[in-house]
Protein backbone atom coordinates (compact mmCIF):
# COMPACT_ATOMS: atom_id res chain seq x y z
CA MET A 1 3.98 11.80 -6.49
CA LYS A 2 2.48 8.50 -7.52
CA THR A 3 -0.72 7.12 -6.04
CA LYS A 4 -1.42 3.55 -4.99
CA GLU A 5 -3.43 3.09 -8.19
CA ASP A 6 -0.47 4.31 -10.28
CA ILE A 7 1.86 1.82 -8.57
CA MET A 8 -0.52 -1.10 -9.03
CA LYS A 9 -0.72 -0.32 -12.77
CA MET A 10 3.04 -0.02 -13.30
CA SER A 11 4.67 -2.69 -15.43
CA LEU A 12 7.85 -4.51 -14.56
CA GLN A 13 9.72 -2.42 -17.14
CA GLU A 14 8.50 0.84 -15.57
CA LEU A 15 9.47 -0.26 -12.07
CA LYS A 16 12.90 -1.46 -13.19
CA LYS A 17 13.46 1.84 -14.97
CA ARG A 18 12.57 3.70 -11.79
CA ARG A 19 14.88 1.47 -9.73
CA ASN A 20 17.76 2.03 -12.16
CA GLU A 21 17.22 5.78 -11.99
CA LEU A 22 17.70 5.58 -8.23
CA LEU A 23 20.80 3.43 -8.53
CA ASN A 24 23.26 5.26 -10.72
CA GLN A 25 26.04 2.73 -10.37
CA ARG A 26 26.59 -1.01 -10.43
CA ILE A 27 29.10 -2.68 -8.18
CA ASN A 28 31.00 -5.72 -9.48
CA THR A 29 32.83 -6.99 -6.38
CA ASN A 30 32.64 -6.78 -2.58
CA ILE A 31 34.80 -3.80 -1.70
CA ARG A 32 35.58 -2.60 1.85
CA CYS A 33 32.74 -4.58 3.48
CA ILE A 34 33.14 -5.34 7.20
CA SER A 35 31.45 -8.14 9.16
CA CYS A 36 29.13 -9.06 6.28
CA SER A 37 28.04 -12.64 5.57
CA GLY A 38 26.89 -14.18 2.30
CA CYS A 39 26.82 -10.86 0.43
CA THR A 40 27.81 -10.42 -3.23
CA ASN A 41 28.78 -7.40 -5.30
CA CYS A 42 28.54 -4.96 -2.37
CA SER A 43 30.65 -1.97 -1.39
CA GLU A 44 31.39 -0.29 1.95
CA CYS A 45 28.72 -2.22 3.89
CA PHE A 46 28.81 -3.22 7.55
CA GLY A 47 27.12 -6.18 9.23
CA CYS A 48 24.86 -7.13 6.32
CA THR A 49 23.71 -10.69 5.55
CA LYS A 50 22.76 -12.26 2.21
CA CYS A 51 22.58 -8.94 0.33
CA SER A 52 23.65 -8.17 -3.24
CA HIS A 53 24.57 -5.03 -5.16
CA CYS A 54 24.35 -2.80 -2.08
CA SER A 55 26.54 0.16 -1.20
CA GLN A 56 27.14 1.98 2.09
CA CYS A 57 24.54 -0.07 4.00
CA SER A 58 24.56 -1.51 7.50
CA ARG A 59 22.71 -4.35 9.24
CA CYS A 60 20.55 -5.19 6.20
CA LEU A 61 19.26 -8.71 5.54
CA GLY A 62 18.29 -10.31 2.23
CA CYS A 63 18.28 -7.03 0.31
CA SER A 64 19.45 -6.06 -3.18
CA ASP A 65 20.37 -2.85 -4.98
CA LEU A 66 20.33 -0.65 -1.86
CA LEU A 67 22.25 2.56 -1.33
CA ASN A 68 22.87 4.05 2.13
CA CYS A 69 20.23 1.98 3.96
CA ARG A 70 20.21 0.85 7.61
CA GLY A 71 18.56 -2.21 9.17
CA CYS A 72 16.35 -3.07 6.18
CA THR A 73 15.01 -6.57 5.45
CA ASN A 74 13.92 -7.98 2.07
CA CYS A 75 14.08 -4.60 0.33
CA SER A 76 15.21 -3.91 -3.24
CA GLY A 77 16.13 -0.78 -5.17
CA CYS A 78 15.88 1.55 -2.16
CA THR A 79 18.00 4.55 -1.18
CA SER A 80 18.48 6.10 2.27
CA CYS A 81 15.90 3.92 4.03
CA SER A 82 16.06 2.83 7.66
CA GLU A 83 14.49 -0.18 9.43
CA CYS A 84 12.19 -0.99 6.49
CA LEU A 85 10.67 -4.37 5.61
CA ASN A 86 9.60 -5.50 2.14
CA CYS A 87 10.03 -2.19 0.33
CA PHE A 88 10.81 -1.74 -3.38
CA CYS A 89 12.21 1.22 -5.27
CA SER A 90 11.69 3.69 -2.42
CA VAL A 91 13.66 6.61 -0.99
CA ASN A 92 14.09 8.18 2.48
CA LEU A 93 11.73 5.86 4.36
CA GLU A 94 11.90 4.99 8.05
CA ASN A 95 10.17 2.04 9.75
CA LYS A 96 7.91 1.29 6.76
CA LYS A 97 6.54 -1.97 5.34
CA TYR A 98 5.14 -2.92 1.93
CA MET A 99 6.07 0.25 0.05
CA ILE A 100 6.62 0.54 -3.71
CA CYS A 101 7.98 3.86 -5.00
CA ASN A 102 7.19 5.43 -1.59
CA VAL A 103 3.53 4.42 -1.87
CA GLN A 104 2.01 2.39 0.98
CA LEU A 105 0.36 -0.88 -0.04
CA THR A 106 -1.25 -3.59 2.02
CA LYS A 107 0.72 -6.81 2.44
CA LYS A 108 -1.59 -8.54 -0.05
CA GLU A 109 -1.31 -5.72 -2.62
CA TYR A 110 2.48 -5.70 -2.26
CA GLU A 111 2.79 -9.47 -2.68
CA THR A 112 0.37 -9.45 -5.63
CA LYS A 113 2.31 -6.70 -7.37
CA LEU A 114 5.67 -8.41 -6.87
CA LYS A 115 4.25 -11.71 -8.09
CA GLU A 116 2.80 -9.95 -11.14
CA LEU A 117 6.24 -8.45 -11.82
CA SER A 118 7.96 -11.81 -11.21
CA LEU A 119 10.16 -10.34 -8.47
């Protein structure tokens, strides 16, 4: 398990590698999405808005590269998360904010790390 210090030291390349490990497939077109709006390259999603490269998600907003997530907002590279806000490359979280690789950061630390990584 990584610590907060480990996460803050991770480079963009390391974080992208971790995200790609979690997402074992890429989706090229919207397939079997229902009641979604403004989404691209998603599959089997329901009620999502402005998401991209997501699969089997519902009620997510402004997310990318999610798999099997519910009610998440502004998350990327997450799998099996529910009701999360501003999380990156995390798995099996519920009602969390500002997480990177399942490590809790403050809002400032999270924003600093994403800015450093140009995300």
